[in-house]
């Protein structure tokens, strides 16, 4: 593309400076080069200072032209973008901030210019300056949208700085912005996304939200029938983060429960919405809330199946034995609720797969309690019996077969090493072996040449059904080794 003659002269000067820059990096370790460049410091500073002054003069001369101002500010940002402090100091000393603020006040409705100007202020002075400018333009929808855009971009790039910014001023301006423009989906969505991100990591943000009467606003928004799905999603995600603690969510429990139940009814096919809704009630009420959801929706129907599958995925993420009501006392309730849900939706593979996975994890925890909780062992036996029955009845379905065998392996791993260090063999392990092998042989028995490692029972039928599936064949051998101990695999190999 042809360049006008006057522009070519400027381009030549840029190329000269760029060439000087490359020469410096090539000889950066050469003391002579370093000395020479050091002498250029003041000259380079003068060049940058003159360039900045020219940009600022152009902004003042063309203050009525938002397009020209946008171009000028983009050039100013190019000067300071990769600077640690030198170029920023030059801009500040030249009165750049005052010129930016004056220009912002002249064009409160030019969203493109405002976004560029806010970004420059943020780069010069950080989040406090951006918040101050945001506050002054709260009456402008364009200004609010532009500020939120830069707020989000800067937060992603400098999350550490965002975390050190005082919580209450940030939360206050975000709530005010969303309340000022309740019909602007862009503003409300961006504000809730920011609040959700902040609330996830900072308890003081959750506290500030409650202090500033944010709960009433959020619950009202989520109960509004006119809200689009994306806004509902960001609202529910924010809700779940607030329930982590620090926002006095316990006092809002009844309203949160009502909102989540409404979500189950109106967004049963939206997995994202269901996930965050379940996460919210789990934060408030622990594992028992997920059990209650399973029981409430364990009735036939595709819409209910989606809620069930999402609830099962949430149960699969439980850290058993680590608080949130996830102790031995709820194991029987979880297993019973999962089995009833699987029975109600026995024709939907997704529910069976997710249910099997939960039974494996829960059964593994229960099996690990054999020395402290007999009821835990009973729960592990119930879970493993259900898994064995499912394996027998759905033996022809490779995905489900794989999941069930992996779930049984989870339970076996919870039993510990079979008979090691003089310990007695777990009742759970014996029960699983009786389900998988034809003779119910005990662990001290070793496979014979006639029967092989997997015997002639259920596990051998799985191997025969999926003879050509090498992946499943490997899982069969792995499961047999876990059930009978590593010695059995060695004997088989010999």
Foldseek 3Di string as FASTA:
>chain_A
DDDDPVVVVVVVVVVVVVVLVVVCVVCVVPPVSVVVVVVCVVVVLVVLLVVLLVLLVQCVVPLVDLVSLQVSLVVLCVQQVPDPPSSLVSCVVSVVLVSLLVSCVNCLAPLSSLLSSLLSQCSNPNDVSLLVSLVVSLVYLSNLLSSLVSVVVVCVVCVVVVLVPDQQSLLVSLVSSCVNCVPPPSSLLSSLQVLLVNLQPDLNNLLSCLVNVVVVVLLVVLPDPPDDPSSNLSSLSSLLSSLLDNNPCLVVLVSLVVSLVVCLVPVLPDLSNLLSSLSNVLSNQFPVVLLVLLVVLLADDPSSLSSLLSSLVVLLPDDAPPDSPRYPVCLVSLLVSLVSSCVNPVVDVSSLLSSLSSLLQSLLQLLLCVPPDPVSLVSNLSSLVVLLVVCQVPLLDVVSNLSSLVSLLSNLVSNPAACPPNDHGGPSLLSNCVSQEPVSDDLVDADDPVQALRGDHSLVVSCVSPVPPVVVVVSSVVSSCSSNHVVNVVVRVD
